[in-house]
Amino acid sequence: MHLRSVIFFLSVVTSVFGYNILFMGPFPAPSHWMWLESFVDGLLERGHHVTVVSNHKRKIQHENCTELIIDPPYDIPKYLPKSDIFKMRYASDFQNLQMWWNIGVNTTEHALNHPKVKSLIQMKTSPFDCLIMEQFFHESMLMFGHKFNIPVITAGTMGYADYMDHAMGLLTPLSHIPHLLLPYKDDMTFKQRAYNFYLSVYDNFWRRFHYFPLMQSQAEKHFANYIEGPLPLVRDLEKKVSLMLINSHRSIDIPRPTIAGLVNVGGIHIKPAKPLPSDIRDFINGAEHGVVYFSLGSYMKSTDMPKDKIKMLMDGFSRLKQRVIWKYEDENIKNLPKNVLVKKWMPQNDILAQKNVVLFMTHGGLFGSQEGIFWGKPMLCIPLYGDQHRNTIKAVQEGYALSAVLSQLTSDVLVEKINEVISNKRFSQKAKELSLRFRDNPISPKDEAMYWIEYIIRHKGAKHLKSKAVDMSLWEYLQLDIVFLYGGLALLGLYVSLKVLYRLVFWVYVKHNENSNFDKKVQ
């Protein structure tokens, strides 16, 4: 059936069975989609019709889901070669910002050029009740909300960023809220506050005057011919977002000022554990000293590692008394130690749920880290790029993890760190404490997200939740105009008072001299 016919059909049945929602996840990373798909699942469970734009086809089809797959997906390794990532020690915060901006512009352009997405752009009527899209540097696609005249909800994959606060009418207090990239806590030293201020202002300035013009140009290029009248500014569309669902949780993130339109849904992707395949189950249950689970996530593959690092890992694993489950994408690997099981795909959540898994070796990605925290597993983090360094530093600071740099890692250091985390009970104890906090929720993250999505649609964008501060200038927000007004009045009052005092003193002085001269004449 033709795309427009399918969407028209959904718009007809929506009035009877549920809302018709346009869901967009244009970033091609599998881990991002794993998190975003949790929202799609929740919406489908509640009887809504979802038109999904993504790079990943759902494993289980649903009659209420129309998929518009961006195929082929954007080739991230061409822009950011995996061989370079494995050699990294740490990219600067400014390099990471530039990387995100560039890859955001490129992946968005790739998505907007796809014929199925172009068909959406060319539609003349709107069958949708709401747009939900990932908030990961795809702001030009907010123009879909303007085109269809529907409320917009975003899902912040990486957690809070200052610009999210700004879009909802809050000014991030940089004195105790660190930048998204920084692992600082809310008790920063003077040096940390100075750097946090510099990085935050740098990000805000270049986002406003460099990144947003790129997004505006992109929006003009793709939407100008299909929307009547001049297009609004993308940065103004960001301010009109009705709701932001943030991958954050109070148990692992610092307290920060908030507003009704910012809702925490960290852990939404974590599901109850399912039974394991028999070979993995038996391997875990038969481990007398427990199991170490190792994965580099869904994007970076262990098979892409330099050969000397693969050999180093196998040598280290062979010297452990624990068994090792390794997400390794070539199951025919040779010279595999007897205590190691490799699989190209692993049911990670279900593995971490097993009591006999005593350590999680991870790259420090946010989604996997949250799963490890949920199941109370101590970790050995080997960060590679992006926010993984921040997540790793925070994990070490919290006391449930150690870290290592892959480019400098040796088999001796690997064995030493694994044994340290497993044998020192403070790591497992801290992980269990954090797990209890992470699970202690008045309502599940999925139910929380579903309630607010439906609330926004029911109330046509729920503009009553939006602070008018979002339209204020920095000058007005900080009340600098009022400060200058009262400051000016105070200075004026001081000036008048001094002027009066001066004249009074002068008059007294003159009178005193006149009296003195008179006395002299009399004498």
Protein backbone atom coordinates (compact mmCIF):
# COMPACT_ATOMS: atom_id res chain seq x y z
CA MET A 1 0.00 0.00 0.00
CA HIS A 2 1.26 3.51 -0.81
CA LEU A 3 2.71 5.49 2.11
CA ARG A 4 0.10 8.24 1.91
CA SER A 5 -2.73 5.71 1.76
CA VAL A 6 -1.44 3.94 4.86
CA ILE A 7 -1.14 7.17 6.80
CA PHE A 8 -4.58 8.32 5.65
CA PHE A 9 -6.05 5.03 6.86
CA LEU A 10 -4.37 5.48 10.23
CA SER A 11 -5.73 9.01 10.51
CA VAL A 12 -9.26 7.66 10.02
CA VAL A 13 -9.05 4.89 12.61
CA THR A 14 -7.20 7.12 15.10
CA SER A 15 -10.39 8.91 16.04
CA VAL A 16 -11.82 5.57 17.17
CA PHE A 17 -8.88 3.59 18.55
CA GLY A 18 -6.14 6.01 19.63
CA TYR A 19 -3.83 8.82 18.65
CA ASN A 20 -1.81 8.88 15.45
CA ILE A 21 1.80 9.67 16.32
CA LEU A 22 4.77 10.45 14.08
CA PHE A 23 7.91 9.09 15.75
CA MET A 24 11.33 10.02 14.36
CA GLY A 25 14.67 8.51 15.35
CA PRO A 26 17.02 9.46 12.50
CA PHE A 27 20.32 8.77 14.28
CA PRO A 28 21.62 5.38 13.05
CA ALA A 29 23.30 4.10 16.24
CA PRO A 30 21.60 0.83 17.33
CA SER A 31 21.90 1.70 21.03
CA HIS A 32 19.96 4.92 20.53
CA TRP A 33 17.17 3.07 18.78
CA MET A 34 17.07 0.40 21.49
CA TRP A 35 16.20 3.17 23.97
CA LEU A 36 13.78 4.98 21.64
CA GLU A 37 11.95 1.81 20.67
CA SER A 38 10.81 1.50 24.29
CA PHE A 39 8.58 4.53 23.68
CA VAL A 40 7.20 3.00 20.49
CA ASP A 41 6.44 -0.24 22.34
CA GLY A 42 4.64 1.66 25.07
CA LEU A 43 2.53 3.63 22.60
CA LEU A 44 1.55 0.50 20.68
CA GLU A 45 0.63 -1.30 23.92
CA ARG A 46 -1.77 1.54 24.68
CA GLY A 47 -3.53 1.27 21.33
CA HIS A 48 -1.99 4.21 19.50
CA HIS A 49 -0.93 4.20 15.85
CA VAL A 50 2.73 5.02 15.32
CA THR A 51 4.45 6.00 12.07
CA VAL A 52 8.13 5.36 12.73
CA VAL A 53 11.04 6.95 10.86
CA SER A 54 14.23 5.12 11.83
CA ASN A 55 17.21 3.17 10.55
CA HIS A 56 16.21 -0.10 12.22
CA LYS A 57 13.36 -2.41 11.31
CA ARG A 58 11.41 -3.74 14.27
CA LYS A 59 11.97 -7.42 15.01
CA ILE A 60 8.30 -7.90 15.89
CA GLN A 61 5.81 -6.34 13.50
CA HIS A 62 2.67 -4.65 14.78
CA GLU A 63 -0.52 -3.86 12.89
CA ASN A 64 -0.60 -0.34 14.34
CA CYS A 65 2.97 0.49 13.34
CA THR A 66 3.98 1.90 9.96
CA GLU A 67 7.74 1.82 9.46
CA LEU A 68 9.63 4.21 7.17
CA ILE A 69 13.14 2.75 7.22
CA ILE A 70 16.09 4.94 6.21
CA ASP A 71 18.01 2.42 4.15
CA PRO A 72 20.92 2.50 3.72
CA PRO A 73 21.63 4.26 7.02
CA TYR A 74 24.21 6.98 7.31
CA ASP A 75 27.70 5.45 7.36
CA ILE A 76 29.09 6.74 10.65
CA PRO A 77 32.37 4.76 10.41
CA LYS A 78 33.16 6.65 7.20
CA TYR A 79 33.04 9.91 9.16
CA LEU A 80 34.49 8.50 12.39
CA PRO A 81 36.61 5.41 11.59
CA LYS A 82 36.46 2.74 14.27
CA SER A 83 40.20 2.16 14.00
CA ASP A 84 40.75 5.75 15.15
CA ILE A 85 38.37 5.32 18.08
CA PHE A 86 40.28 2.33 19.42
CA LYS A 87 43.47 4.42 19.40
CA MET A 88 41.90 7.31 21.32
CA ARG A 89 42.83 8.05 24.87
CA TYR A 90 40.55 11.03 25.43
CA ALA A 91 39.10 13.59 23.04
CA SER A 92 38.78 17.14 24.34
CA ASP A 93 35.36 18.46 25.31
CA PHE A 94 35.55 20.94 22.46
CA GLN A 95 36.34 18.17 19.97
CA ASN A 96 33.35 16.21 21.25
CA LEU A 97 31.05 19.21 20.78
CA GLN A 98 32.27 19.68 17.21
CA MET A 99 31.89 15.95 16.56
CA TRP A 100 28.27 15.98 17.74
CA TRP A 101 27.40 19.06 15.69
CA ASN A 102 28.97 17.65 12.53
CA ILE A 103 27.48 14.19 12.84
CA GLY A 104 24.10 15.69 13.73
CA VAL A 105 24.05 17.84 10.59
CA ASN A 106 25.25 14.95 8.42
CA THR A 107 22.86 12.29 9.73
CA THR A 108 19.92 14.71 9.51
CA GLU A 109 20.78 15.62 5.92
CA HIS A 110 21.00 11.93 5.07
CA ALA A 111 17.56 11.29 6.58
CA LEU A 112 15.89 14.29 4.90
CA ASN A 113 17.21 13.16 1.52
CA HIS A 114 15.59 9.74 1.82
CA PRO A 115 12.55 9.28 -0.48
CA LYS A 116 10.27 8.08 2.35
CA VAL A 117 11.10 11.11 4.47
CA LYS A 118 10.65 13.36 1.43
CA SER A 119 7.16 11.89 1.03
CA LEU A 120 6.36 13.12 4.54
CA ILE A 121 7.71 16.56 3.73
CA GLN A 122 5.54 16.74 0.59
CA MET A 123 2.29 15.78 2.35
CA LYS A 124 -0.32 18.53 2.09
CA THR A 125 -2.50 17.54 5.06
CA SER A 126 -1.64 16.34 8.55
CA PRO A 127 -2.95 12.99 9.78
CA PHE A 128 -0.86 13.20 12.96
CA ASP A 129 -1.74 14.26 16.49
CA CYS A 130 1.81 14.61 17.75
CA LEU A 131 5.47 14.45 16.73
CA ILE A 132 7.94 12.63 18.97
CA MET A 133 11.58 12.80 17.92
CA GLU A 134 14.98 12.08 19.39
CA GLN A 135 16.76 15.15 20.71
CA PHE A 136 20.21 14.40 19.40
CA PHE A 137 21.28 17.21 17.06
CA HIS A 138 18.42 16.93 14.55
CA GLU A 139 16.76 20.29 15.22
CA SER A 140 15.93 21.07 11.57
CA MET A 141 13.43 18.18 11.72
CA LEU A 142 11.41 20.17 14.26
CA MET A 143 10.01 21.77 11.11
CA PHE A 144 7.72 18.73 10.79
CA GLY A 145 5.91 19.93 13.89
CA HIS A 146 5.42 23.34 12.29
CA LYS A 147 4.36 21.86 8.95
CA PHE A 148 1.73 19.58 10.48
CA ASN A 149 0.77 22.10 13.21
CA ILE A 150 1.05 19.51 15.96
CA PRO A 151 2.69 19.51 19.41
CA VAL A 152 6.27 18.30 19.57
CA ILE A 153 7.81 16.03 22.21
CA THR A 154 11.51 15.23 22.25
CA ALA A 155 13.41 12.32 23.83
CA GLY A 156 16.83 13.32 25.16
CA THR A 157 18.98 10.23 24.71
CA MET A 158 22.12 11.47 26.46
CA GLY A 159 20.55 13.14 29.47
CA TYR A 160 20.29 16.81 30.36
CA ALA A 161 21.98 19.60 28.44
CA ASP A 162 21.89 23.34 29.13
CA TYR A 163 20.01 24.05 25.89
CA MET A 164 17.15 21.84 27.07
CA ASP A 165 16.77 24.06 30.12
CA HIS A 166 16.83 27.15 27.91
CA ALA A 167 14.16 25.73 25.59
CA MET A 168 11.83 25.23 28.56
CA GLY A 169 12.42 28.64 30.14
CA LEU A 170 15.17 27.85 32.65
CA LEU A 171 18.64 29.29 32.91
CA THR A 172 21.08 26.61 34.02
CA PRO A 173 22.88 27.70 37.24
CA LEU A 174 26.47 27.07 36.19
CA SER A 175 27.69 27.46 39.77
CA HIS A 176 26.53 23.95 40.64
CA ILE A 177 25.22 22.31 37.43
CA PRO A 178 28.05 20.93 35.25
CA HIS A 179 27.94 20.82 31.48
CA LEU A 180 26.63 17.64 29.83
CA LEU A 181 30.16 16.55 28.93
CA LEU A 182 31.66 17.02 32.37
CA PRO A 183 31.80 14.41 35.16
CA TYR A 184 31.73 17.04 37.91
CA LYS A 185 29.36 16.90 40.84
CA ASP A 186 27.37 19.83 42.23
CA ASP A 187 30.15 20.80 44.66
CA MET A 188 32.65 21.99 42.06
CA THR A 189 35.94 23.58 43.05
CA PHE A 190 36.78 27.11 41.91
CA LYS A 191 38.84 25.70 39.03
CA GLN A 192 36.03 23.37 37.98
CA ARG A 193 33.45 26.16 38.13
CA ALA A 194 35.69 28.36 36.00
CA TYR A 195 36.09 25.63 33.37
CA ASN A 196 32.40 24.72 33.50
CA PHE A 197 31.50 28.37 32.90
CA TYR A 198 33.91 28.63 29.97
CA LEU A 199 32.75 25.40 28.30
CA SER A 200 29.07 26.20 28.82
CA VAL A 201 29.35 29.72 27.39
CA TYR A 202 31.45 28.40 24.50
CA ASP A 203 28.82 25.74 23.74
CA ASN A 204 25.95 28.23 23.93
CA PHE A 205 27.71 30.81 21.74
CA TRP A 206 28.79 28.44 18.97
CA ARG A 207 25.49 26.57 19.05
CA ARG A 208 23.67 29.87 18.56
CA PHE A 209 25.90 31.41 15.88
CA HIS A 210 27.44 28.39 14.13
CA TYR A 211 25.37 25.26 14.61
CA PHE A 212 21.85 26.73 14.40
CA PRO A 213 22.53 28.58 11.12
CA LEU A 214 23.53 25.20 9.64
CA MET A 215 20.26 23.67 10.86
CA GLN A 216 18.29 26.67 9.55
CA SER A 217 19.88 26.36 6.13
CA GLN A 218 19.05 22.66 6.11
CA ALA A 219 15.42 23.33 7.01
CA GLU A 220 15.12 26.00 4.29
CA LYS A 221 16.57 23.62 1.73
CA HIS A 222 14.15 20.77 2.41
CA PHE A 223 10.93 22.44 3.62
CA ALA A 224 10.73 25.85 1.94
CA ASN A 225 8.86 24.60 -1.14
CA TYR A 226 6.25 22.70 0.87
CA ILE A 227 5.27 25.21 3.57
CA GLU A 228 3.44 28.43 2.80
CA GLY A 229 5.00 31.64 3.98
CA PRO A 230 8.41 32.22 5.51
CA LEU A 231 9.78 29.41 7.63
CA PRO A 232 10.20 30.07 11.36
CA LEU A 233 13.65 29.99 12.92
CA VAL A 234 14.69 26.53 14.06
CA ARG A 235 15.85 27.96 17.38
CA ASP A 236 12.34 29.35 17.89
CA LEU A 237 10.85 25.94 17.11
CA GLU A 238 13.05 24.45 19.82
CA LYS A 239 11.45 26.87 22.28
CA LYS A 240 8.02 25.58 21.27
CA VAL A 241 8.73 21.96 22.20
CA SER A 242 5.94 20.95 24.58
CA LEU A 243 7.69 18.19 26.52
CA MET A 244 11.18 16.76 26.86
CA LEU A 245 11.57 13.17 28.07
CA ILE A 246 15.09 12.92 29.46
CA ASN A 247 17.28 9.86 29.91
CA SER A 248 18.14 10.80 33.48
CA HIS A 249 17.47 9.37 36.93
CA ARG A 250 17.64 11.06 40.33
CA SER A 251 19.65 8.16 41.80
CA ILE A 252 22.62 8.65 39.48
CA ASP A 253 22.37 12.27 38.32
CA ILE A 254 22.85 15.39 40.41
CA PRO A 255 19.80 17.41 41.56
CA ARG A 256 19.03 20.34 39.29
CA PRO A 257 16.30 22.97 38.86
CA THR A 258 13.42 21.68 36.76
CA ILE A 259 10.07 22.62 35.28
CA ALA A 260 6.91 20.68 34.35
CA GLY A 261 7.97 20.13 30.75
CA LEU A 262 11.15 18.25 31.73
CA VAL A 263 10.40 14.64 32.70
CA ASN A 264 12.96 12.02 33.79
CA VAL A 265 12.53 8.58 32.19
CA GLY A 266 15.96 7.06 32.74
CA GLY A 267 15.83 3.25 32.64
CA ILE A 268 12.77 3.08 30.38
CA HIS A 269 14.57 0.52 28.20
CA ILE A 270 15.21 -1.94 31.05
CA LYS A 271 12.74 -4.81 30.99
CA PRO A 272 12.13 -7.79 33.30
CA ALA A 273 14.64 -10.56 32.66
CA LYS A 274 13.66 -13.30 30.22
CA PRO A 275 14.92 -16.90 30.27
CA LEU A 276 18.35 -17.28 28.71
CA PRO A 277 19.26 -19.57 25.80
CA SER A 278 20.26 -22.93 27.24
CA ASP A 279 23.96 -22.70 26.29
CA ILE A 280 24.41 -19.32 27.97
CA ARG A 281 22.32 -20.38 30.98
CA ASP A 282 24.33 -23.56 31.53
CA PHE A 283 27.64 -21.70 31.07
CA ILE A 284 26.67 -19.20 33.78
CA ASN A 285 25.20 -21.72 36.21
CA GLY A 286 28.26 -23.96 35.92
CA ALA A 287 30.73 -21.19 36.83
CA GLU A 288 32.06 -22.04 40.30
CA HIS A 289 33.70 -18.61 40.77
CA GLY A 290 31.19 -16.55 38.89
CA VAL A 291 31.09 -14.94 35.43
CA VAL A 292 32.58 -11.80 33.90
CA TYR A 293 30.42 -10.34 31.13
CA PHE A 294 32.23 -8.20 28.51
CA SER A 295 30.67 -6.08 25.75
CA LEU A 296 31.71 -2.99 23.83
CA GLY A 297 28.09 -2.16 23.00
CA SER A 298 26.13 -2.25 19.76
CA TYR A 299 28.17 0.17 17.63
CA MET A 300 31.78 -0.69 18.39
CA LYS A 301 32.57 -4.33 17.71
CA SER A 302 35.20 -6.41 19.45
CA THR A 303 36.20 -7.81 16.07
CA ASP A 304 37.23 -4.28 15.00
CA MET A 305 39.83 -4.05 17.76
CA PRO A 306 43.52 -4.19 16.84
CA LYS A 307 44.74 -7.79 16.79
CA ASP A 308 47.24 -7.19 19.58
CA LYS A 309 44.41 -6.00 21.85
CA ILE A 310 42.30 -9.06 21.06
CA LYS A 311 45.29 -11.26 21.91
CA MET A 312 45.88 -9.25 25.11
CA LEU A 313 42.26 -9.74 26.21
CA MET A 314 42.31 -13.49 25.53
CA ASP A 315 45.56 -13.85 27.45
CA GLY A 316 44.10 -11.96 30.40
CA PHE A 317 40.82 -13.88 30.36
CA SER A 318 42.67 -17.23 30.27
CA ARG A 319 44.33 -16.35 33.60
CA LEU A 320 41.04 -15.76 35.43
CA LYS A 321 39.37 -18.33 37.64
CA GLN A 322 36.02 -16.88 36.57
CA ARG A 323 34.29 -17.74 33.32
CA VAL A 324 33.95 -14.98 30.73
CA ILE A 325 31.03 -14.26 28.38
CA TRP A 326 32.30 -12.05 25.57
CA LYS A 327 30.16 -10.30 22.95
CA TYR A 328 32.46 -11.09 20.05
CA GLU A 329 31.08 -10.90 16.52
CA ASP A 330 33.07 -13.81 15.07
CA GLU A 331 32.07 -17.05 16.77
CA ASN A 332 34.77 -18.93 14.84
CA ILE A 333 37.60 -17.14 16.61
CA LYS A 334 40.63 -19.39 17.09
CA ASN A 335 42.67 -20.09 20.22
CA LEU A 336 39.76 -19.17 22.47
CA PRO A 337 40.48 -19.94 26.16
CA LYS A 338 38.36 -22.75 27.63
CA ASN A 339 36.77 -20.44 30.19
CA VAL A 340 35.47 -18.01 27.53
CA LEU A 341 32.15 -18.14 25.65
CA VAL A 342 31.72 -15.85 22.63
CA LYS A 343 28.52 -14.89 20.82
CA LYS A 344 27.97 -12.28 18.11
CA TRP A 345 24.79 -11.22 19.87
CA MET A 346 24.05 -11.29 23.59
CA PRO A 347 20.81 -10.79 25.57
CA GLN A 348 22.68 -8.32 27.76
CA ASN A 349 19.87 -7.33 30.10
CA ASP A 350 19.01 -10.99 30.77
CA ILE A 351 22.66 -11.88 31.37
CA LEU A 352 23.22 -9.02 33.80
CA ALA A 353 20.14 -10.15 35.73
CA GLN A 354 21.89 -13.40 36.70
CA LYS A 355 23.24 -13.56 40.26
CA ASN A 356 26.32 -15.51 39.17
CA VAL A 357 27.51 -12.63 36.97
CA VAL A 358 30.02 -10.91 39.27
CA LEU A 359 31.47 -8.22 36.97
CA PHE A 360 30.35 -6.18 33.97
CA MET A 361 33.18 -5.11 31.62
CA THR A 362 31.75 -2.26 29.58
CA HIS A 363 32.70 0.64 27.32
CA GLY A 364 30.74 2.95 29.62
CA GLY A 365 27.81 3.70 27.33
CA LEU A 366 24.87 5.28 29.16
CA PHE A 367 22.30 2.58 28.31
CA GLY A 368 24.49 -0.35 29.29
CA SER A 369 25.66 1.46 32.41
CA GLN A 370 22.06 1.94 33.49
CA GLU A 371 21.39 -1.77 32.98
CA GLY A 372 24.45 -2.64 35.07
CA ILE A 373 23.28 -0.27 37.80
CA PHE A 374 19.73 -1.65 37.72
CA TRP A 375 20.99 -5.20 38.25
CA GLY A 376 23.58 -4.14 40.85
CA LYS A 377 26.74 -5.18 39.00
CA PRO A 378 30.19 -3.73 39.78
CA MET A 379 31.97 -2.63 36.61
CA LEU A 380 35.29 -2.31 34.86
CA CYS A 381 34.84 0.53 32.38
CA ILE A 382 36.94 0.89 29.22
CA PRO A 383 35.66 4.12 27.61
CA LEU A 384 36.33 4.80 23.94
CA TYR A 385 34.72 8.12 22.93
CA GLY A 386 31.95 10.64 23.51
CA ASP A 387 30.07 10.57 26.81
CA GLN A 388 31.64 7.23 27.77
CA HIS A 389 34.52 9.03 29.48
CA ARG A 390 32.10 11.14 31.54
CA ASN A 391 30.04 8.09 32.49
CA THR A 392 33.17 6.18 33.48
CA ILE A 393 34.55 8.94 35.69
CA LYS A 394 31.19 9.25 37.45
CA ALA A 395 31.06 5.46 37.98
CA VAL A 396 34.53 5.48 39.54
CA GLN A 397 33.60 8.46 41.73
CA GLU A 398 30.47 6.65 42.94
CA GLY A 399 32.61 3.70 44.01
CA TYR A 400 31.15 0.82 42.01
CA ALA A 401 33.70 0.73 39.15
CA LEU A 402 37.32 0.92 38.10
CA SER A 403 38.48 2.25 34.73
CA ALA A 404 41.10 1.39 32.13
CA VAL A 405 42.37 2.92 28.87
CA LEU A 406 42.26 0.35 26.07
CA SER A 407 45.24 1.80 24.16
CA GLN A 408 47.39 1.39 27.30
CA LEU A 409 45.86 -1.79 28.70
CA THR A 410 48.01 -4.90 29.21
CA SER A 411 46.92 -8.40 30.21
CA ASP A 412 48.60 -7.98 33.61
CA VAL A 413 46.71 -4.75 34.32
CA LEU A 414 43.48 -6.29 33.05
CA VAL A 415 43.73 -9.28 35.41
CA GLU A 416 44.73 -7.03 38.30
CA LYS A 417 41.76 -4.69 37.84
CA ILE A 418 39.24 -7.53 37.36
CA ASN A 419 40.45 -9.25 40.52
CA GLU A 420 40.38 -5.98 42.45
CA VAL A 421 36.74 -5.25 41.57
CA ILE A 422 35.60 -8.82 42.27
CA SER A 423 37.55 -9.40 45.49
CA ASN A 424 36.98 -5.99 47.08
CA LYS A 425 33.45 -6.14 48.47
CA ARG A 426 33.07 -2.36 48.52
CA PHE A 427 32.47 -2.38 44.75
CA SER A 428 29.63 -4.92 44.86
CA GLN A 429 28.16 -3.32 47.98
CA LYS A 430 28.08 0.11 46.36
CA ALA A 431 26.56 -1.36 43.19
CA LYS A 432 23.77 -3.00 45.21
CA GLU A 433 23.04 0.23 47.10
CA LEU A 434 22.79 2.15 43.84
CA SER A 435 20.57 -0.56 42.36
CA LEU A 436 18.08 -0.17 45.20
CA ARG A 437 17.95 3.60 44.62
CA PHE A 438 17.59 3.19 40.86
CA ARG A 439 14.65 0.80 41.23
CA ASP A 440 12.85 2.89 43.87
CA ASN A 441 10.32 4.73 41.68
CA PRO A 442 6.74 5.81 42.43
CA ILE A 443 5.83 4.94 38.84
CA SER A 444 7.69 3.05 36.11
CA PRO A 445 9.59 5.23 33.59
CA LYS A 446 7.45 3.84 30.76
CA ASP A 447 4.16 4.66 32.49
CA GLU A 448 5.52 8.11 33.33
CA ALA A 449 6.42 8.75 29.70
CA MET A 450 3.10 7.44 28.37
CA TYR A 451 1.09 9.60 30.76
CA TRP A 452 2.84 12.81 29.74
CA ILE A 453 2.76 12.03 26.01
CA GLU A 454 -0.99 11.51 26.16
CA TYR A 455 -1.39 14.57 28.41
CA ILE A 456 0.36 16.77 25.84
CA ILE A 457 -1.87 15.45 23.04
CA ARG A 458 -5.06 15.74 25.08
CA HIS A 459 -4.32 19.36 25.89
CA LYS A 460 -3.13 20.35 22.40
CA GLY A 461 0.46 20.98 23.40
CA ALA A 462 -0.32 21.92 27.03
CA LYS A 463 0.89 25.50 26.61
CA HIS A 464 -0.11 26.16 30.21
CA LEU A 465 2.95 24.15 31.29
CA LYS A 466 5.33 26.37 29.31
CA SER A 467 7.07 29.17 31.19
CA LYS A 468 6.91 32.59 29.55
CA ALA A 469 10.55 32.94 30.55
CA VAL A 470 11.41 31.06 27.36
CA ASP A 471 10.70 34.27 25.41
CA MET A 472 12.70 36.51 27.71
CA SER A 473 16.07 37.90 26.79
CA LEU A 474 18.98 37.15 29.09
CA TRP A 475 18.83 40.82 30.07
CA GLU A 476 15.23 40.44 31.24
CA TYR A 477 15.61 36.96 32.74
CA LEU A 478 18.39 38.11 35.07
CA GLN A 479 16.44 41.32 35.77
CA LEU A 480 19.47 43.34 34.71
CA ASP A 481 17.15 46.06 33.39
CA ILE A 482 15.57 46.30 36.86
CA VAL A 483 18.99 46.22 38.52
CA PHE A 484 20.13 49.07 36.28
CA LEU A 485 16.89 50.97 36.90
CA TYR A 486 17.17 50.82 40.67
CA GLY A 487 20.91 51.16 40.48
CA GLY A 488 20.47 54.28 38.37
CA LEU A 489 17.88 55.67 40.77
CA ALA A 490 20.21 54.96 43.68
CA LEU A 491 23.08 56.71 41.92
CA LEU A 492 20.80 59.61 41.04
CA GLY A 493 19.68 59.84 44.66
CA LEU A 494 23.29 59.70 45.80
CA TYR A 495 24.22 62.39 43.27
CA VAL A 496 21.38 64.68 44.40
CA SER A 497 22.24 64.09 48.05
CA LEU A 498 25.91 64.89 47.46
CA LYS A 499 24.92 67.95 45.42
CA VAL A 500 22.68 69.21 48.21
CA LEU A 501 25.34 68.42 50.80
CA TYR A 502 27.94 70.23 48.72
CA ARG A 503 25.76 73.33 48.42
CA LEU A 504 24.99 73.21 52.14
CA VAL A 505 28.67 72.92 53.04
CA PHE A 506 29.50 75.68 50.56
CA TRP A 507 26.81 77.93 52.05
CA VAL A 508 28.09 77.29 55.57
CA TYR A 509 31.64 77.98 54.39
CA VAL A 510 30.62 81.25 52.74
CA LYS A 511 28.64 82.35 55.78
CA HIS A 512 31.56 81.50 58.01
CA ASN A 513 33.94 83.61 55.89
CA GLU A 514 31.50 86.52 55.81
CA ASN A 515 31.25 86.48 59.60
CA SER A 516 35.01 86.30 59.96
CA ASN A 517 35.54 89.26 57.64
CA PHE A 518 32.90 91.29 59.49
CA ASP A 519 34.57 90.63 62.84
CA LYS A 520 37.92 91.78 61.45
CA LYS A 521 36.42 95.03 60.19
CA VAL A 522 34.83 95.76 63.56
CA GLN A 523 38.15 95.30 65.29
